[in-house]
Amino acid sequence: MAAMKPRTGDGPMEVTKEGRSLIMRVPLEGGGRLVVELKADEAAELQECLAGVTS
């Protein structure tokens, strides 16, 4: 049987491209990760929304 990695919320936020989608992984308080699949246009819209509240 193959060794399995433990699932933890530790680690940085990351985004990877898989096929035509972008996969965003966000660590959560208390452990675990939020995994969101986005299309390129959805990622651009998210970027605009975040820029509006962080500037």
N, C-alpha and C. Protein backbone atom coordinates (compact mmCIF):
# COMPACT_ATOMS: atom_id res chain seq x y z
N MET A 1 0.84 -1.18 0.00
CA MET A 1 0.00 0.00 0.00
C MET A 1 0.89 1.24 0.00
N ALA A 2 0.52 2.22 -0.76
CA ALA A 2 1.31 3.45 -0.85
C ALA A 2 1.13 4.29 0.40
N ALA A 3 2.18 4.98 0.78
CA ALA A 3 2.11 5.89 1.93
C ALA A 3 1.23 7.08 1.58
N MET A 4 0.46 7.54 2.54
CA MET A 4 -0.42 8.69 2.30
C MET A 4 0.09 9.88 3.10
N LYS A 5 0.00 11.05 2.50
CA LYS A 5 0.38 12.27 3.18
C LYS A 5 -0.78 12.72 4.07
N PRO A 6 -0.48 13.25 5.25
CA PRO A 6 -1.57 13.76 6.08
C PRO A 6 -2.17 15.02 5.47
N ARG A 7 -3.45 15.20 5.64
CA ARG A 7 -4.12 16.40 5.14
C ARG A 7 -4.09 17.46 6.22
N THR A 8 -3.36 18.52 5.97
CA THR A 8 -3.29 19.61 6.94
C THR A 8 -3.55 20.91 6.23
N GLY A 9 -3.86 21.93 7.00
CA GLY A 9 -4.07 23.26 6.45
C GLY A 9 -2.78 24.04 6.36
N ASP A 10 -1.68 23.43 6.82
CA ASP A 10 -0.40 24.12 6.78
C ASP A 10 0.05 24.29 5.34
N GLY A 11 0.76 25.37 5.12
CA GLY A 11 1.30 25.61 3.79
C GLY A 11 0.72 26.88 3.21
N PRO A 12 1.33 27.34 2.14
CA PRO A 12 0.91 28.61 1.55
C PRO A 12 -0.35 28.48 0.69
N MET A 13 -0.96 29.61 0.42
CA MET A 13 -2.04 29.65 -0.57
C MET A 13 -1.38 29.39 -1.91
N GLU A 14 -2.03 28.63 -2.78
CA GLU A 14 -1.43 28.34 -4.08
C GLU A 14 -2.49 28.23 -5.15
N VAL A 15 -2.07 28.51 -6.37
CA VAL A 15 -2.94 28.36 -7.53
C VAL A 15 -2.14 27.61 -8.59
N THR A 16 -2.76 26.56 -9.15
CA THR A 16 -2.12 25.80 -10.20
C THR A 16 -3.07 25.70 -11.39
N LYS A 17 -2.49 25.53 -12.56
CA LYS A 17 -3.30 25.37 -13.77
C LYS A 17 -3.40 23.89 -14.08
N GLU A 18 -4.62 23.42 -14.21
CA GLU A 18 -4.86 22.02 -14.55
C GLU A 18 -5.84 21.99 -15.73
N GLY A 19 -5.32 21.69 -16.90
CA GLY A 19 -6.15 21.72 -18.10
C GLY A 19 -6.57 23.15 -18.39
N ARG A 20 -7.87 23.36 -18.53
CA ARG A 20 -8.39 24.71 -18.80
C ARG A 20 -8.78 25.44 -17.53
N SER A 21 -8.64 24.80 -16.38
CA SER A 21 -9.08 25.39 -15.12
C SER A 21 -7.90 25.82 -14.27
N LEU A 22 -8.18 26.73 -13.34
CA LEU A 22 -7.23 27.13 -12.31
C LEU A 22 -7.74 26.55 -11.00
N ILE A 23 -6.86 25.92 -10.24
CA ILE A 23 -7.22 25.33 -8.96
C ILE A 23 -6.56 26.17 -7.86
N MET A 24 -7.40 26.77 -7.00
CA MET A 24 -6.90 27.61 -5.91
C MET A 24 -7.08 26.85 -4.61
N ARG A 25 -6.00 26.75 -3.83
CA ARG A 25 -6.03 26.07 -2.53
C ARG A 25 -5.69 27.08 -1.45
N VAL A 26 -6.62 27.25 -0.51
CA VAL A 26 -6.47 28.25 0.55
C VAL A 26 -6.49 27.53 1.90
N PRO A 27 -5.41 27.66 2.70
CA PRO A 27 -5.43 27.03 4.03
C PRO A 27 -6.47 27.71 4.92
N LEU A 28 -7.11 26.92 5.76
CA LEU A 28 -8.15 27.43 6.65
C LEU A 28 -7.70 27.37 8.10
N GLU A 29 -8.21 28.28 8.91
CA GLU A 29 -7.93 28.23 10.34
C GLU A 29 -8.56 26.97 10.89
N GLY A 30 -7.85 26.30 11.76
CA GLY A 30 -8.37 25.06 12.33
C GLY A 30 -8.03 23.84 11.50
N GLY A 31 -7.32 24.02 10.40
CA GLY A 31 -6.91 22.89 9.58
C GLY A 31 -7.76 22.74 8.34
N GLY A 32 -7.24 22.02 7.39
CA GLY A 32 -7.94 21.80 6.14
C GLY A 32 -7.64 22.86 5.12
N ARG A 33 -8.14 22.66 3.93
CA ARG A 33 -7.92 23.61 2.84
C ARG A 33 -9.21 23.77 2.06
N LEU A 34 -9.44 24.99 1.62
CA LEU A 34 -10.55 25.28 0.73
C LEU A 34 -10.00 25.15 -0.69
N VAL A 35 -10.61 24.30 -1.50
CA VAL A 35 -10.16 24.09 -2.88
C VAL A 35 -11.26 24.59 -3.80
N VAL A 36 -10.89 25.54 -4.70
CA VAL A 36 -11.85 26.16 -5.61
C VAL A 36 -11.33 26.00 -7.03
N GLU A 37 -12.19 25.56 -7.94
CA GLU A 37 -11.85 25.47 -9.35
C GLU A 37 -12.44 26.68 -10.06
N LEU A 38 -11.60 27.42 -10.78
CA LEU A 38 -12.01 28.64 -11.47
C LEU A 38 -11.66 28.58 -12.94
N LYS A 39 -12.47 29.25 -13.74
CA LYS A 39 -12.12 29.49 -15.14
C LYS A 39 -11.32 30.79 -15.18
N ALA A 40 -10.62 31.04 -16.28
CA ALA A 40 -9.77 32.23 -16.39
C ALA A 40 -10.57 33.52 -16.21
N ASP A 41 -11.78 33.59 -16.78
CA ASP A 41 -12.58 34.81 -16.64
C ASP A 41 -13.07 34.99 -15.20
N GLU A 42 -13.34 33.91 -14.50
CA GLU A 42 -13.74 34.01 -13.10
C GLU A 42 -12.57 34.48 -12.24
N ALA A 43 -11.36 34.01 -12.56
CA ALA A 43 -10.17 34.44 -11.82
C ALA A 43 -9.92 35.93 -12.04
N ALA A 44 -10.12 36.42 -13.26
CA ALA A 44 -9.94 37.85 -13.54
C ALA A 44 -10.96 38.68 -12.77
N GLU A 45 -12.20 38.20 -12.69
CA GLU A 45 -13.24 38.91 -11.93
C GLU A 45 -12.90 38.92 -10.43
N LEU A 46 -12.39 37.80 -9.91
CA LEU A 46 -11.97 37.73 -8.52
C LEU A 46 -10.84 38.70 -8.25
N GLN A 47 -9.90 38.80 -9.18
CA GLN A 47 -8.78 39.72 -9.04
C GLN A 47 -9.28 41.16 -8.94
N GLU A 48 -10.23 41.54 -9.78
CA GLU A 48 -10.80 42.89 -9.74
C GLU A 48 -11.50 43.15 -8.40
N CYS A 49 -12.25 42.18 -7.92
CA CYS A 49 -12.96 42.34 -6.65
C CYS A 49 -11.98 42.51 -5.49
N LEU A 50 -10.92 41.71 -5.48
CA LEU A 50 -9.93 41.80 -4.40
C LEU A 50 -9.15 43.11 -4.48
N ALA A 51 -8.85 43.57 -5.69
CA ALA A 51 -8.13 44.83 -5.84
C ALA A 51 -8.96 45.99 -5.31
N GLY A 52 -10.27 45.91 -5.46
CA GLY A 52 -11.15 46.97 -4.98
C GLY A 52 -11.19 47.10 -3.47
N VAL A 53 -10.96 46.02 -2.74
CA VAL A 53 -11.02 46.08 -1.28
C VAL A 53 -9.66 46.12 -0.61
N THR A 54 -8.59 45.87 -1.37
CA THR A 54 -7.26 45.88 -0.77
C THR A 54 -6.47 47.14 -1.09
N SER A 55 -6.98 47.96 -1.97
CA SER A 55 -6.25 49.20 -2.34
C SER A 55 -6.64 50.35 -1.45
